[in-house]
Protein backbone atom coordinates (compact mmCIF):
# COMPACT_ATOMS: atom_id res chain seq x y z
CA MET A 1 80.83 102.84 102.95
CA TYR A 2 80.23 104.04 99.42
CA ILE A 3 81.93 106.53 97.16
CA VAL A 4 79.55 107.99 94.60
CA PHE A 5 80.99 109.83 91.63
CA LEU A 6 78.68 112.05 89.60
CA THR A 7 79.58 112.96 86.04
CA TYR A 8 77.59 115.67 84.31
CA THR A 9 75.77 114.59 81.17
CA ARG A 10 74.20 117.95 80.36
CA PRO A 11 75.59 121.45 79.72
CA MET A 12 76.76 123.45 82.75
CA GLU A 13 73.77 125.83 82.41
CA ASP A 14 71.46 122.86 83.11
CA VAL A 15 73.62 121.82 86.07
CA GLU A 16 73.64 125.35 87.53
CA ALA A 17 69.84 125.53 87.25
CA LEU A 18 69.57 122.56 89.65
CA LEU A 19 72.44 123.48 91.98
CA GLU A 20 70.35 124.98 94.81
CA PRO A 21 67.97 122.00 95.16
CA HIS A 22 70.95 119.63 94.83
CA ILE A 23 72.70 121.39 97.74
CA GLU A 24 69.48 121.18 99.78
CA TRP A 25 69.41 117.43 99.08
CA ILE A 26 73.06 117.11 100.18
CA ASN A 27 72.39 119.11 103.37
CA ARG A 28 69.37 116.93 104.21
CA TYR A 29 71.47 113.76 104.14
CA PHE A 30 74.38 115.30 106.06
CA LYS A 31 71.85 116.19 108.78
CA ALA A 32 70.47 112.64 108.65
CA GLY A 33 74.00 111.29 109.18
CA ALA A 34 74.13 109.41 105.86
CA PHE A 35 76.75 111.54 104.09
CA ILE A 36 80.36 111.79 105.23
CA SER A 37 81.77 114.26 102.71
CA ALA A 38 80.93 115.80 99.35
CA GLY A 39 82.57 118.05 96.81
CA ARG A 40 83.12 119.05 93.21
CA LYS A 41 85.52 117.33 90.86
CA ASP A 42 88.37 119.38 89.44
CA PRO A 43 87.96 120.02 86.57
CA ARG A 44 84.31 120.68 87.28
CA ASP A 45 82.68 117.89 85.32
CA GLY A 46 80.87 116.32 88.27
CA GLY A 47 81.18 115.65 91.97
CA MET A 48 81.70 113.07 94.70
CA VAL A 49 79.78 111.98 97.79
CA MET A 50 81.08 109.65 100.50
CA VAL A 51 78.20 107.76 102.09
CA LYS A 52 78.10 105.76 105.33
CA GLU A 53 77.45 102.02 105.20
CA MET A 54 73.80 101.20 104.52
CA ASP A 55 71.72 98.80 102.50
CA ARG A 56 72.34 99.41 98.79
CA LYS A 57 68.59 99.72 98.14
CA GLN A 58 68.44 102.54 100.69
CA LEU A 59 71.35 104.30 98.97
CA ASP A 60 69.66 103.92 95.59
CA GLN A 61 66.50 105.50 97.03
CA ILE A 62 68.51 108.43 98.39
CA LEU A 63 70.30 108.94 95.07
CA ALA A 64 66.99 108.83 93.21
CA GLU A 65 65.89 111.92 95.16
CA ASP A 66 68.82 114.02 93.93
CA PRO A 67 67.72 116.73 91.47
CA PHE A 68 70.98 116.13 89.61
CA GLN A 69 69.50 112.84 88.34
CA ALA A 70 68.36 114.99 85.39
CA VAL A 71 71.91 116.15 84.58
CA ALA A 72 74.37 113.51 85.82
CA ARG A 73 75.39 109.87 85.70
CA TYR A 74 76.18 108.12 89.01
CA ASP A 75 78.96 105.58 89.56
CA VAL A 76 78.69 103.88 92.95
CA THR A 77 81.59 101.98 94.50
CA LYS A 78 81.38 100.14 97.82
CA VAL A 79 84.60 100.49 99.82
CA ASN A 80 85.62 98.73 103.03
CA ILE A 81 88.03 101.10 104.77
CA THR A 82 90.55 99.06 106.77
CA ARG A 83 93.28 101.68 107.29
CA SER A 84 93.28 105.45 107.65
CA ALA A 85 95.72 108.23 108.48
CA ASP A 86 95.35 109.43 112.07
CA LYS A 87 93.27 112.46 111.04
CA PHE A 88 90.83 110.15 109.23
CA SER A 89 90.70 107.28 111.71
CA GLY A 90 86.96 107.81 112.11
CA LEU A 91 86.49 106.44 108.59
CA THR A 92 87.88 103.02 109.45
CA GLY A 93 85.03 100.54 109.59
CA ILE A 94 82.34 102.95 108.34
């Protein structure tokens, strides 16, 4: 699976202007089964998306569709989950 960290590169007003289409993008990929979880960083200087295992080119195509491309930098890390707490056992092997 992948963990994608977004870090805002533009003022918050620019981020807020794209928030609704960004949320629509997130919802589309939750429905498609690609996204596992998502949320804001605290302090609010970006966000995070956990993504199911897929070809990296496919992930890059998905990320390229995000309206936040205009206001954020993306750091993508591939993670191989081998252990999880009981409540998160569904993440093992994703």
